[in-house]
Amino acid sequence: MKVTVRSNGVYSKCANILGTAVARAVKMRRIMIATAIMLELQKTQMKRDYKKKQYWVAPYLKDQEHSFFHISIPKLIFEDSIHFHNYFRMSATQLEELLTLIGPQLQKMNATRECIGPKERLALTLRSDSMISMSYQYLIGVSTTSNIIRETCKAIWNTLQPLVLPSALTETEWLDIAQNFDDVTNFTHCIGAIDGKHVTIQCPNNAGSTYYNYKQSHSIVLLGICDANYIFRFGRRSDGGIFGDSIIGRNFDSQRMNVPKPAAVEGGRILPFCLVGDEAFPLKPYLLRPYPSRIGLTLMDDIFNYRLSHARRIIENTFGILASQWRVFRKPIIAQPETAKLIVQATVCLHNWLRKEDIGKNMYVSPNMIDEESEDLNSFQPGWRRIMEYGCAFQDITNCGTNTSARNCMKIRDESRDYFCNERSVPWQCNRHK
């Protein structure tokens, strides 16, 4: 039997399909060839652009056995305790004690090369000089130096913060602070002096206006409350200077700080326990600020302002001691914001840790570091200001709260003013009006 197949367009249809497939295959092949050429050109360009490293470790970094840490520090330990203290801001015994506390967090495992030991890491960080300077002194790469400082500051904060800067105080501890303030400054029911500083840092990458302040520089803000022994009782760093939005401000406003209830003072007046601050802070039931001079001060207003300023000088000295003892604060901090925050946190903890052991010894805080004013107001003896006269990373904050105050806040201030001008008057408070 003979079979006849009619095309009925089948052949032409198949031809069209085949032609389309061939065209698509040719197009894909061209794309693949073009892609291969582009990759080859890119590879060639990368080879041209690639600059072969001259060395794995810079030659001057290879001789670490002759670094400052290995040559000079052992001599300071055994031969010159005074210069050792000047270099580290602590004695050799205190350095070993601190190393015992944080050393386990700094220990690294040896890999391809012997790692840098905990003591060297701690020594490098405590000097608190610029990272490039420390790199040359310790014969360690700059990036490695930066990593060491960041890791060590974090270890110091994690270890010392629960010991020397607890997040909460008991009512008894507040009462002890108030009694100590009364003994030192003659300011009754003062549970601390508060202030804030802009800590100047280098301009961060892609930061915009996040860290930009009114001084036309970049900074982070440190709010601190101290006792009469120049010890920070609360310290919080933030990216803004608004007291009401800070953790400290919110906790005081919500009465979560265990502050003692108002109590009677000499003469039977009932006065609350308060912080003392300057004009940058708002007047609160728990925070006294001076009477504004723009409204015209009475004699009693001026006396109160002077008494408050006398008590508030404690926090000025505390920030001044912190800045003068740790060299990193003598100029803007050259570090990224997160590293700068860790540095600030670590130095505050170190300050408290050393100061707690220093009370009565005057090694960390010597008498000539304290700004003092004579009672007759005829002389002012600068302390830390002499050290910081060539520059400081700290800048004063401006208003960090509203200037409008509730009537009860004004009444509290007026009651305190009347008390200091009558029952608790002292002879030297009127010297400025003689």
Protein backbone atom coordinates (compact mmCIF):
# COMPACT_ATOMS: atom_id res chain seq x y z
CA MET A 1 0.00 0.00 0.00
CA LYS A 2 1.30 3.40 -0.94
CA VAL A 3 0.99 6.18 1.69
CA THR A 4 0.81 9.79 0.67
CA VAL A 5 1.52 12.51 3.25
CA ARG A 6 0.11 15.89 2.62
CA SER A 7 2.03 18.87 3.88
CA ASN A 8 -0.96 21.01 4.77
CA GLY A 9 1.59 23.52 6.08
CA VAL A 10 3.27 20.97 8.42
CA TYR A 11 6.62 21.19 6.68
CA SER A 12 6.60 24.96 6.71
CA LYS A 13 5.57 24.96 10.36
CA CYS A 14 8.44 22.64 11.28
CA ALA A 15 10.81 24.76 9.27
CA ASN A 16 9.73 27.86 11.19
CA ILE A 17 10.20 26.12 14.54
CA LEU A 18 13.60 24.83 13.51
CA GLY A 19 14.64 28.24 12.26
CA THR A 20 13.57 29.87 15.52
CA ALA A 21 15.49 27.30 17.56
CA VAL A 22 18.60 27.76 15.46
CA ALA A 23 18.38 31.56 15.81
CA ARG A 24 17.94 31.25 19.56
CA ALA A 25 20.91 28.90 19.82
CA VAL A 26 23.05 31.29 17.79
CA LYS A 27 21.98 34.19 20.01
CA MET A 28 22.78 32.25 23.19
CA ARG A 29 26.13 31.26 21.76
CA ARG A 30 26.92 34.89 20.97
CA ILE A 31 25.93 35.88 24.52
CA MET A 32 28.14 33.16 25.99
CA ILE A 33 31.06 34.23 23.82
CA ALA A 34 30.54 37.89 24.78
CA THR A 35 30.32 36.95 28.46
CA ALA A 36 33.49 34.89 28.25
CA ILE A 37 35.29 37.78 26.58
CA MET A 38 34.07 40.21 29.24
CA LEU A 39 35.18 37.89 32.06
CA GLU A 40 38.56 37.46 30.46
CA LEU A 41 38.95 41.21 30.07
CA GLN A 42 37.88 41.74 33.69
CA LYS A 43 40.35 39.10 34.85
CA THR A 44 43.11 40.77 32.87
CA GLN A 45 42.21 44.17 34.35
CA MET A 46 42.22 42.74 37.87
CA LYS A 47 45.67 41.32 37.28
CA ARG A 48 46.84 44.74 36.16
CA ASP A 49 45.23 46.49 39.14
CA TYR A 50 46.40 43.97 41.71
CA LYS A 51 49.37 45.18 43.66
CA LYS A 52 51.24 42.35 45.20
CA LYS A 53 51.84 42.80 48.92
CA GLN A 54 55.38 43.73 49.65
CA TYR A 55 55.37 41.73 52.89
CA TRP A 56 53.06 39.90 55.30
CA VAL A 57 54.42 41.81 58.29
CA ALA A 58 56.17 45.18 57.96
CA PRO A 59 59.89 44.77 58.69
CA TYR A 60 59.88 47.24 61.57
CA LEU A 61 57.14 45.20 63.31
CA LYS A 62 59.05 41.92 63.27
CA ASP A 63 61.40 42.79 66.12
CA GLN A 64 58.76 42.85 68.87
CA GLU A 65 61.23 41.67 71.50
CA HIS A 66 62.67 45.19 71.40
CA SER A 67 59.34 47.00 71.75
CA PHE A 68 58.60 49.39 74.60
CA PHE A 69 56.57 46.70 76.37
CA HIS A 70 59.43 44.18 76.46
CA ILE A 71 62.31 46.61 77.10
CA SER A 72 61.11 49.63 79.08
CA ILE A 73 58.13 48.45 81.13
CA PRO A 74 60.09 45.77 83.08
CA LYS A 75 62.59 48.47 84.04
CA LEU A 76 59.80 50.76 85.22
CA ILE A 77 58.32 47.98 87.35
CA PHE A 78 61.53 47.24 89.23
CA GLU A 79 63.40 50.54 89.11
CA ASP A 80 60.99 53.48 88.88
CA SER A 81 57.55 53.11 90.46
CA ILE A 82 56.81 56.84 90.12
CA HIS A 83 57.24 56.87 86.35
CA PHE A 84 55.37 53.56 86.12
CA HIS A 85 52.41 55.21 87.87
CA ASN A 86 52.69 58.23 85.61
CA TYR A 87 52.63 56.00 82.52
CA PHE A 88 49.73 53.72 83.52
CA ARG A 89 47.94 55.91 86.11
CA MET A 90 48.19 52.99 88.55
CA SER A 91 50.79 51.03 90.47
CA ALA A 92 52.28 47.73 89.32
CA THR A 93 50.24 45.95 91.99
CA GLN A 94 47.02 47.52 90.72
CA LEU A 95 47.93 46.58 87.15
CA GLU A 96 48.37 42.94 88.17
CA GLU A 97 45.07 43.04 90.07
CA LEU A 98 43.28 44.46 87.04
CA LEU A 99 44.92 41.86 84.81
CA THR A 100 43.63 39.13 87.12
CA LEU A 101 40.10 40.48 86.70
CA ILE A 102 39.99 40.89 82.92
CA GLY A 103 42.89 38.73 81.71
CA PRO A 104 40.77 35.64 80.90
CA GLN A 105 38.67 37.73 78.48
CA LEU A 106 41.80 38.94 76.67
CA GLN A 107 43.49 35.57 76.24
CA LYS A 108 43.75 34.40 72.62
CA MET A 109 44.77 31.04 71.16
CA ASN A 110 47.98 30.75 69.14
CA ALA A 111 47.33 30.06 65.46
CA THR A 112 49.85 30.61 62.66
CA ARG A 113 51.78 33.02 64.89
CA GLU A 114 52.12 33.54 68.61
CA CYS A 115 49.29 35.76 69.82
CA ILE A 116 49.70 38.98 71.78
CA GLY A 117 49.33 38.25 75.49
CA PRO A 118 46.70 39.74 77.85
CA LYS A 119 49.23 41.87 79.76
CA GLU A 120 50.54 43.52 76.61
CA ARG A 121 46.99 44.13 75.39
CA LEU A 122 46.05 45.74 78.70
CA ALA A 123 49.24 47.83 78.85
CA LEU A 124 48.70 49.15 75.33
CA THR A 125 45.11 50.16 76.12
CA LEU A 126 45.83 51.79 79.48
CA ARG A 127 48.33 54.20 77.98
CA SER A 128 45.36 55.63 76.03
CA ASP A 129 47.49 57.45 73.48
CA SER A 130 46.71 57.65 69.75
CA MET A 131 46.53 54.32 67.93
CA ILE A 132 49.35 55.22 65.54
CA SER A 133 51.58 56.25 68.43
CA MET A 134 50.86 53.00 70.30
CA SER A 135 51.51 51.03 67.10
CA TYR A 136 55.05 52.43 66.93
CA GLN A 137 55.70 51.99 70.65
CA TYR A 138 54.53 48.39 70.85
CA LEU A 139 55.55 47.36 67.30
CA ILE A 140 52.04 46.21 66.45
CA GLY A 141 50.10 47.03 63.27
CA VAL A 142 47.64 49.92 63.42
CA SER A 143 44.58 47.77 62.62
CA THR A 144 45.65 45.22 65.24
CA THR A 145 46.14 48.05 67.74
CA SER A 146 42.62 49.30 67.04
CA ASN A 147 41.14 45.83 67.54
CA ILE A 148 43.07 45.34 70.78
CA ILE A 149 41.88 48.67 72.23
CA ARG A 150 38.27 47.93 71.30
CA GLU A 151 38.31 44.41 72.76
CA THR A 152 40.13 45.46 75.93
CA CYS A 153 37.79 48.40 76.60
CA LYS A 154 34.83 46.08 76.21
CA ALA A 155 36.37 43.62 78.67
CA ILE A 156 37.05 46.42 81.18
CA TRP A 157 33.45 47.62 80.94
CA ASN A 158 31.94 44.14 81.25
CA THR A 159 34.09 43.33 84.28
CA LEU A 160 34.28 46.58 86.25
CA GLN A 161 30.87 48.12 85.56
CA PRO A 162 28.97 45.82 87.98
CA LEU A 163 31.64 46.48 90.63
CA VAL A 164 32.14 50.25 90.43
CA LEU A 165 29.21 51.67 88.45
CA PRO A 166 26.07 49.72 89.41
CA SER A 167 22.89 50.47 87.52
CA ALA A 168 20.90 51.08 90.73
CA LEU A 169 21.55 52.40 94.24
CA THR A 170 19.66 51.61 97.42
CA GLU A 171 18.02 54.24 99.60
CA THR A 172 20.75 53.72 102.20
CA GLU A 173 23.46 54.38 99.62
CA TRP A 174 21.73 57.62 98.57
CA LEU A 175 21.61 58.71 102.23
CA ASP A 176 25.34 58.01 102.61
CA ILE A 177 26.07 60.12 99.52
CA ALA A 178 23.92 62.96 100.90
CA GLN A 179 25.71 62.87 104.25
CA ASN A 180 29.12 62.92 102.56
CA PHE A 181 28.07 65.85 100.36
CA ASP A 182 26.87 67.73 103.43
CA ASP A 183 30.19 67.14 105.20
CA VAL A 184 32.26 68.30 102.23
CA THR A 185 30.19 71.11 100.68
CA ASN A 186 27.70 72.16 103.41
CA PHE A 187 24.84 71.48 100.99
CA THR A 188 22.05 69.58 102.75
CA HIS A 189 20.11 66.74 101.11
CA CYS A 190 22.34 66.70 98.01
CA ILE A 191 22.48 63.20 96.51
CA GLY A 192 24.98 64.12 93.81
CA ALA A 193 26.13 66.69 91.28
CA ILE A 194 25.15 66.22 87.64
CA ASP A 195 26.75 67.50 84.45
CA GLY A 196 27.21 66.48 80.85
CA LYS A 197 30.00 66.81 78.33
CA HIS A 198 30.34 66.50 74.59
CA VAL A 199 33.23 64.09 73.96
CA THR A 200 34.70 65.20 70.64
CA ILE A 201 35.41 62.48 68.07
CA GLN A 202 36.64 62.46 64.50
CA CYS A 203 33.99 62.83 61.80
CA PRO A 204 32.46 59.34 61.32
CA ASN A 205 31.99 57.86 57.87
CA ASN A 206 28.53 58.59 56.40
CA ALA A 207 27.36 59.97 59.76
CA GLY A 208 25.45 62.96 58.44
CA SER A 209 24.23 65.04 61.37
CA THR A 210 23.92 62.13 63.82
CA TYR A 211 26.93 63.14 65.92
CA TYR A 212 27.09 66.82 64.91
CA ASN A 213 26.82 69.30 67.81
CA TYR A 214 26.40 73.02 68.36
CA LYS A 215 30.19 73.49 68.51
CA GLN A 216 30.32 72.46 64.84
CA SER A 217 32.18 69.27 65.67
CA HIS A 218 31.21 65.63 66.04
CA SER A 219 30.74 64.16 69.49
CA ILE A 220 29.01 61.72 71.77
CA VAL A 221 27.45 62.92 75.02
CA LEU A 222 28.41 61.70 78.49
CA LEU A 223 25.99 62.47 81.33
CA GLY A 224 27.40 61.86 84.79
CA ILE A 225 26.37 62.05 88.44
CA CYS A 226 29.12 62.02 91.04
CA ASP A 227 29.44 61.91 94.81
CA ALA A 228 31.64 64.10 97.00
CA ASN A 229 34.61 61.74 96.54
CA TYR A 230 34.81 62.46 92.78
CA ILE A 231 33.36 59.03 91.97
CA PHE A 232 30.78 58.65 89.20
CA ARG A 233 27.63 57.07 90.62
CA PHE A 234 25.79 57.12 87.34
CA GLY A 235 27.19 57.61 83.88
CA ARG A 236 25.43 57.23 80.57
CA ARG A 237 26.73 58.01 77.12
CA SER A 238 24.22 58.90 74.43
CA ASP A 239 24.03 60.42 70.96
CA GLY A 240 22.01 63.40 72.12
CA GLY A 241 22.19 65.84 74.96
CA ILE A 242 18.54 65.93 76.06
CA PHE A 243 18.34 65.07 79.76
CA GLY A 244 14.65 64.14 79.62
CA ASP A 245 15.28 61.57 76.89
CA SER A 246 18.25 60.00 78.67
CA ILE A 247 18.00 56.83 80.73
CA ILE A 248 18.98 58.78 83.85
CA GLY A 249 16.31 61.43 83.30
CA ARG A 250 13.54 58.93 82.58
CA ASN A 251 14.39 56.85 85.65
CA PHE A 252 14.33 59.89 87.93
CA ASP A 253 11.07 61.16 86.40
CA SER A 254 9.40 57.77 86.92
CA GLN A 255 10.72 57.53 90.51
CA ARG A 256 12.64 54.31 89.86
CA MET A 257 15.91 55.47 91.46
CA ASN A 258 15.13 54.62 95.12
CA VAL A 259 15.69 58.25 96.13
CA PRO A 260 14.80 58.80 99.82
CA LYS A 261 11.57 60.58 100.66
CA PRO A 262 11.69 64.26 101.70
CA ALA A 263 12.86 64.61 105.28
CA ALA A 264 13.09 67.26 107.98
CA VAL A 265 16.23 69.39 108.31
CA GLU A 266 17.39 71.85 110.96
CA GLY A 267 14.53 74.13 111.94
CA GLY A 268 11.84 71.63 110.96
CA ARG A 269 11.66 72.36 107.23
CA ILE A 270 10.81 69.40 105.01
CA LEU A 271 13.18 69.32 102.04
CA PRO A 272 13.53 66.69 99.30
CA PHE A 273 16.79 64.99 98.36
CA CYS A 274 18.03 66.56 95.12
CA LEU A 275 20.78 66.62 92.55
CA VAL A 276 22.55 69.91 91.81
CA GLY A 277 23.13 71.04 88.23
CA ASP A 278 23.84 74.17 86.23
CA GLU A 279 21.65 76.22 83.87
CA ALA A 280 21.82 73.52 81.19
CA PHE A 281 19.49 71.28 83.22
CA PRO A 282 15.78 71.72 83.88
CA LEU A 283 14.42 72.50 87.33
CA LYS A 284 12.83 69.32 88.69
CA PRO A 285 11.53 68.11 92.07
CA TYR A 286 14.75 66.06 92.30
CA LEU A 287 17.12 68.55 90.56
CA LEU A 288 18.07 72.06 91.66
CA ARG A 289 19.47 74.60 89.23
CA PRO A 290 20.49 78.25 89.81
CA TYR A 291 18.09 81.17 89.66
CA PRO A 292 18.37 82.73 86.18
CA SER A 293 20.35 85.95 86.32
CA ARG A 294 18.31 87.56 83.55
CA ILE A 295 15.36 88.19 85.91
CA GLY A 296 17.43 90.17 88.40
CA LEU A 297 18.68 88.39 91.50
CA THR A 298 17.93 89.28 95.09
CA LEU A 299 20.67 88.87 97.69
CA MET A 300 19.14 85.58 98.86
CA ASP A 301 18.89 84.30 95.27
CA ASP A 302 22.54 85.13 94.68
CA ILE A 303 23.62 83.41 97.91
CA PHE A 304 21.70 80.29 96.93
CA ASN A 305 23.31 80.31 93.48
CA TYR A 306 26.74 80.55 95.09
CA ARG A 307 26.04 77.71 97.52
CA LEU A 308 24.77 75.55 94.67
CA SER A 309 27.79 76.43 92.51
CA HIS A 310 30.08 75.54 95.40
CA ALA A 311 28.49 72.07 95.60
CA ARG A 312 28.38 71.64 91.84
CA ARG A 313 32.13 72.22 91.54
CA ILE A 314 32.51 68.58 92.60
CA ILE A 315 31.26 67.32 89.23
CA GLU A 316 33.42 69.85 87.37
CA ASN A 317 36.46 68.50 89.20
CA THR A 318 35.38 64.91 88.53
CA PHE A 319 35.18 65.45 84.78
CA GLY A 320 38.43 67.43 84.93
CA ILE A 321 40.24 64.62 86.75
CA LEU A 322 38.92 62.08 84.24
CA ALA A 323 40.14 64.17 81.30
CA SER A 324 43.54 64.98 82.79
CA GLN A 325 44.33 61.43 83.91
CA TRP A 326 43.47 59.67 80.64
CA ARG A 327 45.38 61.09 77.69
CA VAL A 328 42.80 59.99 75.17
CA PHE A 329 40.66 62.97 76.30
CA ARG A 330 43.33 65.59 75.67
CA LYS A 331 42.29 65.87 72.03
CA PRO A 332 39.46 64.56 69.82
CA ILE A 333 39.22 60.78 69.89
CA ILE A 334 40.42 59.34 66.59
CA ALA A 335 38.13 56.32 66.38
CA GLN A 336 34.79 55.23 65.04
CA PRO A 337 31.79 56.11 67.27
CA GLU A 338 31.30 52.59 68.62
CA THR A 339 34.96 52.34 69.60
CA ALA A 340 34.86 55.85 71.09
CA LYS A 341 31.86 54.86 73.22
CA LEU A 342 33.72 51.81 74.53
CA ILE A 343 36.74 53.98 75.35
CA VAL A 344 34.58 56.43 77.31
CA GLN A 345 32.85 53.62 79.21
CA ALA A 346 36.15 51.92 80.05
CA THR A 347 37.83 55.11 81.30
CA VAL A 348 34.88 55.95 83.57
CA CYS A 349 35.07 52.46 85.10
CA LEU A 350 38.84 52.70 85.51
CA HIS A 351 38.47 56.14 87.10
CA ASN A 352 35.99 54.79 89.67
CA TRP A 353 38.00 51.62 90.33
CA LEU A 354 41.19 53.57 90.99
CA ARG A 355 39.47 56.33 92.95
CA LYS A 356 37.75 53.86 95.31
CA GLU A 357 41.16 52.48 96.25
CA ASP A 358 42.70 55.95 96.36
CA ILE A 359 40.56 57.61 99.04
CA GLY A 360 42.93 58.71 101.79
CA LYS A 361 46.05 57.87 99.74
CA ASN A 362 46.02 60.73 97.19
CA MET A 363 47.91 58.81 94.52
CA TYR A 364 45.38 58.78 91.68
CA VAL A 365 43.86 62.13 92.71
CA SER A 366 46.49 64.32 94.31
CA PRO A 367 45.45 67.53 96.13
CA ASN A 368 46.98 69.74 93.43
CA MET A 369 44.55 68.29 90.86
CA ILE A 370 41.50 69.86 92.52
CA ASP A 371 40.23 73.32 91.58
CA GLU A 372 39.76 75.21 94.84
CA GLU A 373 38.48 78.65 95.75
CA SER A 374 39.43 80.35 99.00
CA GLU A 375 36.60 81.15 101.40
CA ASP A 376 37.29 84.87 101.13
CA LEU A 377 36.97 84.51 97.32
CA ASN A 378 40.22 86.41 96.84
CA SER A 379 42.09 83.52 95.23
CA PHE A 380 41.36 80.58 92.95
CA GLN A 381 43.79 77.68 92.81
CA PRO A 382 43.51 75.80 89.51
CA GLY A 383 44.18 72.08 89.59
CA TRP A 384 43.41 69.94 86.57
CA ARG A 385 42.92 73.09 84.45
CA ARG A 386 46.68 73.62 84.43
CA ILE A 387 47.14 70.20 82.84
CA MET A 388 44.35 70.67 80.29
CA GLU A 389 45.18 74.22 79.22
CA TYR A 390 46.42 73.04 75.81
CA GLY A 391 43.23 71.26 74.81
CA CYS A 392 40.55 68.81 75.84
CA ALA A 393 38.05 66.52 74.11
CA PHE A 394 35.33 67.61 76.56
CA GLN A 395 32.97 70.44 75.64
CA ASP A 396 30.14 71.81 77.79
CA ILE A 397 26.61 70.89 76.84
CA THR A 398 23.95 73.52 76.25
CA ASN A 399 20.34 73.37 77.42
CA CYS A 400 19.28 69.75 77.70
CA GLY A 401 15.77 70.40 78.92
CA THR A 402 13.01 72.96 78.96
CA ASN A 403 13.47 76.12 81.00
CA THR A 404 9.81 76.17 82.04
CA SER A 405 9.29 74.79 85.53
CA ALA A 406 6.26 73.74 87.52
CA ARG A 407 5.24 75.77 90.54
CA ASN A 408 6.10 72.98 92.96
CA CYS A 409 9.67 72.86 91.56
CA MET A 410 10.07 76.60 92.09
CA LYS A 411 8.67 76.24 95.59
CA ILE A 412 11.24 73.55 96.41
CA ARG A 413 14.06 75.82 95.22
CA ASP A 414 12.68 78.76 97.21
CA GLU A 415 12.49 76.59 100.35
CA SER A 416 16.10 75.51 99.86
CA ARG A 417 17.16 79.13 99.32
CA ASP A 418 15.46 80.25 102.53
CA TYR A 419 17.05 77.37 104.44
CA PHE A 420 20.58 78.18 103.27
CA CYS A 421 20.10 81.86 104.04
CA ASN A 422 18.80 81.21 107.57
CA GLU A 423 19.15 77.93 109.47
CA ARG A 424 22.08 76.61 107.41
CA SER A 425 23.86 79.89 106.74
CA VAL A 426 27.68 79.77 106.77
CA PRO A 427 30.04 82.75 107.22
CA TRP A 428 31.76 82.50 103.84
CA GLN A 429 28.60 82.61 101.72
CA CYS A 430 28.37 86.41 102.02
CA ASN A 431 32.04 87.11 101.25
CA ARG A 432 31.29 87.87 97.61
CA HIS A 433 29.10 90.81 98.66
CA LYS A 434 31.66 92.49 100.90
